[in-house]
Amino acid sequence: MKGADVVMAVNNRSTPKKRASTTVSGREKRPARAVDLGTRKEILEAALTAFSRDGFDGASLPKIAEIAKIAHPLIHYYFGSKDNLWRETVDYAFGGLVAEATAVEAASRGLSPLHRLRVMVQAFAQFAARYPDHLGLIMAEMRTDSERLAWLRKNYLDAFVGRLTRALKDAQEQNEIKKIPLDHLAFILIGSIVLYFSINFEPLKNVKSEDLANRHARWVLEVILNGITA
């Protein structure tokens, strides 16, 4: 199985299918649980926007309620506190990345270390292209040396970075790549993807996010593996 096929197969399994739309008569109402889940998602999306843009301290609950177009007390009803809302927003944003990284690692276990590395870089680029606001949440927390950042790293980021580092280490042990210090190499790869999709001021127009992710991942790997000298 090719690297692109591995990523596609994982994305197909991890991306929830859209439900077929149904017509609701005047006397029928959506189940309460459906309303609850819809409201929770609206709040989480609004919180993700606010926390990514303004950071934890700058994102007030009234502002999040305004973005979500809901009454302010509903945030307390569903999430209790601002701190708990932030943690659930992080899980909403990065739980999928950890799941995808785990699935990619398992699906690519039979590949060579270098091929496995290609698959992981491509998968991360796909995630970054689909959810650029999620990356802003990380960058907002990086501005403060807080307990939240330590919690975010321990529960989400380290899981992905650890898998990427293992792939790099395996490739080094097989003499497929140079023995550059792993912490530098891992963050060179991650940074080149995060910055492109989070602060790119002139993104390409009329290009699907999946195609853009594949293109950028290919160029990142080309530069890392083959350099830029002619």
C-alpha atoms as a PDB file:
ATOM      1  CA  MET A   1       0.000   0.000   0.000  1.00  0.00           C
ATOM      2  CA  LYS A   2       1.362   3.421  -0.991  1.00  0.00           C
ATOM      3  CA  GLY A   3       1.742   6.222   1.527  1.00  0.00           C
ATOM      4  CA  ALA A   4      -1.113   8.243   0.019  1.00  0.00           C
ATOM      5  CA  ASP A   5      -3.342   5.168   0.154  1.00  0.00           C
ATOM      6  CA  VAL A   6      -2.555   4.683   3.847  1.00  0.00           C
ATOM      7  CA  VAL A   7      -3.465   8.289   4.656  1.00  0.00           C
ATOM      8  CA  MET A   8      -6.665   8.103   2.585  1.00  0.00           C
ATOM      9  CA  ALA A   9      -7.732   4.870   4.255  1.00  0.00           C
ATOM     10  CA  VAL A  10      -7.145   6.328   7.717  1.00  0.00           C
ATOM     11  CA  ASN A  11      -8.992   9.549   6.857  1.00  0.00           C
ATOM     12  CA  ASN A  12     -11.955   7.577   5.554  1.00  0.00           C
ATOM     13  CA  ARG A  13     -12.172   5.642   8.822  1.00  0.00           C
ATOM     14  CA  SER A  14     -11.674   8.637  11.111  1.00  0.00           C
ATOM     15  CA  THR A  15     -13.895  11.171   9.298  1.00  0.00           C
ATOM     16  CA  PRO A  16     -17.520  10.856  10.363  1.00  0.00           C
ATOM     17  CA  LYS A  17     -20.003  10.510   7.513  1.00  0.00           C
ATOM     18  CA  LYS A  18     -22.600  13.230   7.095  1.00  0.00           C
ATOM     19  CA  ARG A  19     -26.120  12.216   7.992  1.00  0.00           C
ATOM     20  CA  ALA A  20     -28.768  12.404   5.331  1.00  0.00           C
ATOM     21  CA  SER A  21     -31.005  15.418   5.830  1.00  0.00           C
ATOM     22  CA  THR A  22     -34.530  14.719   6.998  1.00  0.00           C
ATOM     23  CA  THR A  23     -37.648  16.852   6.863  1.00  0.00           C
ATOM     24  CA  VAL A  24     -39.263  17.563  10.207  1.00  0.00           C
ATOM     25  CA  SER A  25     -42.984  18.219  10.261  1.00  0.00           C
ATOM     26  CA  GLY A  26     -44.523  20.990  12.302  1.00  0.00           C
ATOM     27  CA  ARG A  27     -45.475  18.610  15.117  1.00  0.00           C
ATOM     28  CA  GLU A  28     -42.144  16.739  15.183  1.00  0.00           C
ATOM     29  CA  LYS A  29     -39.168  18.010  17.126  1.00  0.00           C
ATOM     30  CA  ARG A  30     -35.530  17.022  17.132  1.00  0.00           C
ATOM     31  CA  PRO A  31     -34.655  14.731  20.045  1.00  0.00           C
ATOM     32  CA  ALA A  32     -33.284  16.583  23.054  1.00  0.00           C
ATOM     33  CA  ARG A  33     -29.949  14.788  22.707  1.00  0.00           C
ATOM     34  CA  ALA A  34     -29.604  15.995  19.117  1.00  0.00           C
ATOM     35  CA  VAL A  35     -30.232  19.553  20.284  1.00  0.00           C
ATOM     36  CA  ASP A  36     -27.692  19.135  23.086  1.00  0.00           C
ATOM     37  CA  LEU A  37     -25.000  17.800  20.746  1.00  0.00           C
ATOM     38  CA  GLY A  38     -25.649  20.561  18.241  1.00  0.00           C
ATOM     39  CA  THR A  39     -25.399  23.275  20.870  1.00  0.00           C
ATOM     40  CA  ARG A  40     -22.245  21.757  22.370  1.00  0.00           C
ATOM     41  CA  LYS A  41     -20.603  21.681  18.951  1.00  0.00           C
ATOM     42  CA  GLU A  42     -21.559  25.296  18.262  1.00  0.00           C
ATOM     43  CA  ILE A  43     -20.015  26.343  21.582  1.00  0.00           C
ATOM     44  CA  LEU A  44     -16.853  24.315  20.937  1.00  0.00           C
ATOM     45  CA  GLU A  45     -16.454  25.814  17.459  1.00  0.00           C
ATOM     46  CA  ALA A  46     -16.904  29.315  18.872  1.00  0.00           C
ATOM     47  CA  ALA A  47     -14.472  28.596  21.715  1.00  0.00           C
ATOM     48  CA  LEU A  48     -11.910  27.259  19.258  1.00  0.00           C
ATOM     49  CA  THR A  49     -12.149  30.458  17.241  1.00  0.00           C
ATOM     50  CA  ALA A  50     -11.874  32.671  20.322  1.00  0.00           C
ATOM     51  CA  PHE A  51      -9.096  30.758  22.108  1.00  0.00           C
ATOM     52  CA  SER A  52      -7.056  30.529  18.885  1.00  0.00           C
ATOM     53  CA  ARG A  53      -7.426  34.216  18.116  1.00  0.00           C
ATOM     54  CA  ASP A  54      -7.343  35.809  21.568  1.00  0.00           C
ATOM     55  CA  GLY A  55      -5.711  33.206  23.817  1.00  0.00           C
ATOM     56  CA  PHE A  56      -7.196  31.905  27.055  1.00  0.00           C
ATOM     57  CA  ASP A  57      -7.112  35.207  28.929  1.00  0.00           C
ATOM     58  CA  GLY A  58      -8.456  37.274  26.037  1.00  0.00           C
ATOM     59  CA  ALA A  59     -11.331  34.941  25.159  1.00  0.00           C
ATOM     60  CA  SER A  60     -14.201  35.834  27.500  1.00  0.00           C
ATOM     61  CA  LEU A  61     -17.233  33.608  27.916  1.00  0.00           C
ATOM     62  CA  PRO A  62     -19.615  36.395  26.807  1.00  0.00           C
ATOM     63  CA  LYS A  63     -17.558  36.801  23.614  1.00  0.00           C
ATOM     64  CA  ILE A  64     -17.662  33.037  22.984  1.00  0.00           C
ATOM     65  CA  ALA A  65     -21.430  33.061  23.531  1.00  0.00           C
ATOM     66  CA  GLU A  66     -21.734  35.948  21.072  1.00  0.00           C
ATOM     67  CA  ILE A  67     -19.757  34.023  18.419  1.00  0.00           C
ATOM     68  CA  ALA A  68     -21.882  30.920  19.008  1.00  0.00           C
ATOM     69  CA  LYS A  69     -25.069  33.013  18.930  1.00  0.00           C
ATOM     70  CA  ILE A  70     -26.319  31.499  22.169  1.00  0.00           C
ATOM     71  CA  ALA A  71     -27.219  32.761  25.623  1.00  0.00           C
ATOM     72  CA  HIS A  72     -24.207  33.118  27.911  1.00  0.00           C
ATOM     73  CA  PRO A  73     -25.612  30.831  30.690  1.00  0.00           C
ATOM     74  CA  LEU A  74     -25.680  27.896  28.249  1.00  0.00           C
ATOM     75  CA  ILE A  75     -21.881  27.739  28.368  1.00  0.00           C
ATOM     76  CA  HIS A  76     -22.008  27.205  32.121  1.00  0.00           C
ATOM     77  CA  TYR A  77     -24.798  24.659  31.669  1.00  0.00           C
ATOM     78  CA  TYR A  78     -22.806  22.516  29.217  1.00  0.00           C
ATOM     79  CA  PHE A  79     -19.225  23.080  30.389  1.00  0.00           C
ATOM     80  CA  GLY A  80     -19.298  24.495  33.896  1.00  0.00           C
ATOM     81  CA  SER A  81     -16.223  26.702  33.830  1.00  0.00           C
ATOM     82  CA  LYS A  82     -13.999  28.481  31.352  1.00  0.00           C
ATOM     83  CA  ASP A  83     -11.115  26.178  32.239  1.00  0.00           C
ATOM     84  CA  ASN A  84     -13.188  23.077  31.538  1.00  0.00           C
ATOM     85  CA  LEU A  85     -14.427  24.604  28.276  1.00  0.00           C
ATOM     86  CA  TRP A  86     -10.811  25.166  27.216  1.00  0.00           C
ATOM     87  CA  ARG A  87      -9.879  21.540  27.962  1.00  0.00           C
ATOM     88  CA  GLU A  88     -12.868  20.189  26.072  1.00  0.00           C
ATOM     89  CA  THR A  89     -12.054  22.521  23.196  1.00  0.00           C
ATOM     90  CA  VAL A  90      -8.526  21.094  23.080  1.00  0.00           C
ATOM     91  CA  ASP A  91      -9.927  17.569  22.988  1.00  0.00           C
ATOM     92  CA  TYR A  92     -12.333  18.627  20.245  1.00  0.00           C
ATOM     93  CA  ALA A  93      -9.427  20.097  18.267  1.00  0.00           C
ATOM     94  CA  PHE A  94      -6.683  17.513  18.803  1.00  0.00           C
ATOM     95  CA  GLY A  95      -8.323  14.264  19.792  1.00  0.00           C
ATOM     96  CA  GLY A  96      -8.686  13.495  16.092  1.00  0.00           C
ATOM     97  CA  LEU A  97      -5.000  14.166  15.415  1.00  0.00           C
ATOM     98  CA  VAL A  98      -3.895  11.690  18.077  1.00  0.00           C
ATOM     99  CA  ALA A  99      -6.357   9.105  16.759  1.00  0.00           C
ATOM    100  CA  GLU A 100      -5.146   9.625  13.185  1.00  0.00           C
ATOM    101  CA  ALA A 101      -1.488   9.407  14.218  1.00  0.00           C
ATOM    102  CA  THR A 102      -2.186   6.148  16.054  1.00  0.00           C
ATOM    103  CA  ALA A 103      -4.060   4.729  13.063  1.00  0.00           C
ATOM    104  CA  VAL A 104      -1.386   5.836  10.580  1.00  0.00           C
ATOM    105  CA  GLU A 105       1.364   4.305  12.711  1.00  0.00           C
ATOM    106  CA  ALA A 106      -0.511   0.997  12.885  1.00  0.00           C
ATOM    107  CA  ALA A 107      -1.434   0.971   9.174  1.00  0.00           C
ATOM    108  CA  SER A 108       2.122   1.800   8.055  1.00  0.00           C
ATOM    109  CA  ARG A 109       3.935  -0.592  10.398  1.00  0.00           C
ATOM    110  CA  GLY A 110       4.942  -2.868   7.527  1.00  0.00           C
ATOM    111  CA  LEU A 111       6.550  -0.028   5.564  1.00  0.00           C
ATOM    112  CA  SER A 112      10.204   0.978   5.671  1.00  0.00           C
ATOM    113  CA  PRO A 113      11.052   3.694   8.240  1.00  0.00           C
ATOM    114  CA  LEU A 114      11.508   6.310   5.521  1.00  0.00           C
ATOM    115  CA  HIS A 115       8.224   5.407   3.853  1.00  0.00           C
ATOM    116  CA  ARG A 116       6.489   5.497   7.249  1.00  0.00           C
ATOM    117  CA  LEU A 117       7.934   8.963   7.820  1.00  0.00           C
ATOM    118  CA  ARG A 118       6.515  10.129   4.498  1.00  0.00           C
ATOM    119  CA  VAL A 119       3.076   8.845   5.494  1.00  0.00           C
ATOM    120  CA  MET A 120       3.151  10.638   8.868  1.00  0.00           C
ATOM    121  CA  VAL A 121       4.233  13.957   7.347  1.00  0.00           C
ATOM    122  CA  GLN A 122       1.495  13.687   4.740  1.00  0.00           C
ATOM    123  CA  ALA A 123      -1.113  12.835   7.383  1.00  0.00           C
ATOM    124  CA  PHE A 124      -0.104  15.828   9.536  1.00  0.00           C
ATOM    125  CA  ALA A 125      -0.243  18.125   6.512  1.00  0.00           C
ATOM    126  CA  GLN A 126      -3.757  16.860   5.785  1.00  0.00           C
ATOM    127  CA  PHE A 127      -4.814  17.625   9.357  1.00  0.00           C
ATOM    128  CA  ALA A 128      -3.228  21.088   9.285  1.00  0.00           C
ATOM    129  CA  ALA A 129      -4.871  21.945   5.961  1.00  0.00           C
ATOM    130  CA  ARG A 130      -8.317  20.859   7.163  1.00  0.00           C
ATOM    131  CA  TYR A 131      -8.111  22.576  10.556  1.00  0.00           C
ATOM    132  CA  PRO A 132      -5.806  25.613  10.491  1.00  0.00           C
ATOM    133  CA  ASP A 133      -7.627  27.186  13.480  1.00  0.00           C
ATOM    134  CA  HIS A 134      -6.643  24.193  15.588  1.00  0.00           C
ATOM    135  CA  LEU A 135      -2.990  25.102  15.134  1.00  0.00           C
ATOM    136  CA  GLY A 136      -3.719  28.642  16.292  1.00  0.00           C
ATOM    137  CA  LEU A 137      -4.786  27.218  19.633  1.00  0.00           C
ATOM    138  CA  ILE A 138      -1.286  25.787  20.107  1.00  0.00           C
ATOM    139  CA  MET A 139       0.398  29.010  19.067  1.00  0.00           C
ATOM    140  CA  ALA A 140      -1.788  31.032  21.433  1.00  0.00           C
ATOM    141  CA  GLU A 141      -0.730  28.867  24.379  1.00  0.00           C
ATOM    142  CA  MET A 142       2.930  28.960  23.346  1.00  0.00           C
ATOM    143  CA  ARG A 143       2.939  32.653  24.245  1.00  0.00           C
ATOM    144  CA  THR A 144       2.451  31.761  27.914  1.00  0.00           C
ATOM    145  CA  ASP A 145       4.351  29.273  30.036  1.00  0.00           C
ATOM    146  CA  SER A 146       1.217  27.977  31.722  1.00  0.00           C
ATOM    147  CA  GLU A 147      -0.078  24.771  33.244  1.00  0.00           C
ATOM    148  CA  ARG A 148      -2.457  24.626  30.288  1.00  0.00           C
ATOM    149  CA  LEU A 149       0.457  24.331  27.865  1.00  0.00           C
ATOM    150  CA  ALA A 150       2.019  21.549  29.935  1.00  0.00           C
ATOM    151  CA  TRP A 151      -1.344  19.738  29.985  1.00  0.00           C
ATOM    152  CA  LEU A 152      -1.779  20.213  26.231  1.00  0.00           C
ATOM    153  CA  ARG A 153       1.667  18.791  25.551  1.00  0.00           C
ATOM    154  CA  LYS A 154       1.289  15.836  27.891  1.00  0.00           C
ATOM    155  CA  ASN A 155      -2.147  14.749  26.696  1.00  0.00           C
ATOM    156  CA  TYR A 156      -2.055  15.560  22.975  1.00  0.00           C
ATOM    157  CA  LEU A 157       1.074  17.014  21.403  1.00  0.00           C
ATOM    158  CA  ASP A 158       3.619  14.620  22.892  1.00  0.00           C
ATOM    159  CA  ALA A 159       1.637  11.661  21.544  1.00  0.00           C
ATOM    160  CA  PHE A 160       2.028  12.900  17.975  1.00  0.00           C
ATOM    161  CA  VAL A 161       5.585  14.217  18.362  1.00  0.00           C
ATOM    162  CA  GLY A 162       6.600  10.911  19.965  1.00  0.00           C
ATOM    163  CA  ARG A 163       5.333   8.899  16.992  1.00  0.00           C
ATOM    164  CA  LEU A 164       7.067  11.204  14.524  1.00  0.00           C
ATOM    165  CA  THR A 165      10.303  11.025  16.521  1.00  0.00           C
ATOM    166  CA  ARG A 166      10.156   7.211  16.544  1.00  0.00           C
ATOM    167  CA  ALA A 167       9.818   7.184  12.756  1.00  0.00           C
ATOM    168  CA  LEU A 168      12.814   9.516  12.444  1.00  0.00           C
ATOM    169  CA  LYS A 169      14.879   7.421  14.852  1.00  0.00           C
ATOM    170  CA  ASP A 170      14.058   4.207  12.968  1.00  0.00           C
ATOM    171  CA  ALA A 171      15.063   5.862   9.688  1.00  0.00           C
ATOM    172  CA  GLN A 172      18.356   6.963  11.236  1.00  0.00           C
ATOM    173  CA  GLU A 173      19.072   3.486  12.575  1.00  0.00           C
ATOM    174  CA  GLN A 174      18.498   2.078   9.094  1.00  0.00           C
ATOM    175  CA  ASN A 175      20.889   4.738   7.700  1.00  0.00           C
ATOM    176  CA  GLU A 176      18.093   6.154   5.548  1.00  0.00           C
ATOM    177  CA  ILE A 177      18.553   9.707   6.850  1.00  0.00           C
ATOM    178  CA  LYS A 178      21.376  11.644   8.483  1.00  0.00           C
ATOM    179  CA  LYS A 179      21.792  11.478  12.256  1.00  0.00           C
ATOM    180  CA  ILE A 180      20.617  15.013  12.949  1.00  0.00           C
ATOM    181  CA  PRO A 181      19.452  15.534  16.574  1.00  0.00           C
ATOM    182  CA  LEU A 182      15.898  14.262  16.714  1.00  0.00           C
ATOM    183  CA  ASP A 183      14.404  17.189  18.604  1.00  0.00           C
ATOM    184  CA  HIS A 184      15.663  19.612  15.938  1.00  0.00           C
ATOM    185  CA  LEU A 185      14.589  17.389  13.072  1.00  0.00           C
ATOM    186  CA  ALA A 186      11.096  16.683  14.415  1.00  0.00           C
ATOM    187  CA  PHE A 187      10.322  20.366  14.966  1.00  0.00           C
ATOM    188  CA  ILE A 188      11.798  21.396  11.623  1.00  0.00           C
ATOM    189  CA  LEU A 189       9.233  19.105  10.023  1.00  0.00           C
ATOM    190  CA  ILE A 190       6.361  20.157  12.285  1.00  0.00           C
ATOM    191  CA  GLY A 191       7.165  23.866  12.058  1.00  0.00           C
ATOM    192  CA  SER A 192       7.341  23.864   8.271  1.00  0.00           C
ATOM    193  CA  ILE A 193       3.785  22.526   8.144  1.00  0.00           C
ATOM    194  CA  VAL A 194       2.280  24.485  11.045  1.00  0.00           C
ATOM    195  CA  LEU A 195       3.514  27.849   9.784  1.00  0.00           C
ATOM    196  CA  TYR A 196       2.404  27.252   6.203  1.00  0.00           C
ATOM    197  CA  PHE A 197      -1.187  26.527   7.144  1.00  0.00           C
ATOM    198  CA  SER A 198      -1.571  28.883  10.118  1.00  0.00           C
ATOM    199  CA  ILE A 199       0.104  32.157   9.061  1.00  0.00           C
ATOM    200  CA  ASN A 200       0.239  31.845   5.291  1.00  0.00           C
ATOM    201  CA  PHE A 201      -0.865  35.301   4.157  1.00  0.00           C
ATOM    202  CA  GLU A 202      -1.366  34.340   0.496  1.00  0.00           C
ATOM    203  CA  PRO A 203      -2.712  30.770   0.317  1.00  0.00           C
ATOM    204  CA  LEU A 204      -3.327  29.326  -3.128  1.00  0.00           C
ATOM    205  CA  LYS A 205      -6.797  30.002  -4.464  1.00  0.00           C
ATOM    206  CA  ASN A 206      -9.204  27.422  -5.882  1.00  0.00           C
ATOM    207  CA  VAL A 207      -7.185  24.489  -4.556  1.00  0.00           C
ATOM    208  CA  LYS A 208      -8.756  21.773  -2.425  1.00  0.00           C
ATOM    209  CA  SER A 209      -7.261  21.496   1.049  1.00  0.00           C
ATOM    210  CA  GLU A 210      -6.381  17.851   0.422  1.00  0.00           C
ATOM    211  CA  ASP A 211      -4.478  18.689  -2.765  1.00  0.00           C
ATOM    212  CA  LEU A 212      -2.708  21.605  -1.089  1.00  0.00           C
ATOM    213  CA  ALA A 213      -1.703  19.383   1.844  1.00  0.00           C
ATOM    214  CA  ASN A 214      -0.288  16.709  -0.453  1.00  0.00           C
ATOM    215  CA  ARG A 215       1.616  19.324  -2.445  1.00  0.00           C
ATOM    216  CA  HIS A 216       3.119  20.991   0.620  1.00  0.00           C
ATOM    217  CA  ALA A 217       4.029  17.665   2.250  1.00  0.00           C
ATOM    218  CA  ARG A 218       5.803  16.630  -0.944  1.00  0.00           C
ATOM    219  CA  TRP A 219       7.877  19.811  -1.005  1.00  0.00           C
ATOM    220  CA  VAL A 220       8.696  19.635   2.712  1.00  0.00           C
ATOM    221  CA  LEU A 221      10.008  16.103   2.260  1.00  0.00           C
ATOM    222  CA  GLU A 222      11.865  17.064  -0.912  1.00  0.00           C
ATOM    223  CA  VAL A 223      13.727  19.834   0.923  1.00  0.00           C
ATOM    224  CA  ILE A 224      14.391  17.716   4.036  1.00  0.00           C
ATOM    225  CA  LEU A 225      15.570  14.622   2.169  1.00  0.00           C
ATOM    226  CA  ASN A 226      17.261  16.113  -0.899  1.00  0.00           C
ATOM    227  CA  GLY A 227      18.070  19.720   0.029  1.00  0.00           C
ATOM    228  CA  ILE A 228      17.615  22.825  -2.117  1.00  0.00           C
ATOM    229  CA  THR A 229      20.944  22.980  -3.926  1.00  0.00           C
ATOM    230  CA  ALA A 230      20.745  22.371  -7.661  1.00  0.00           C
END
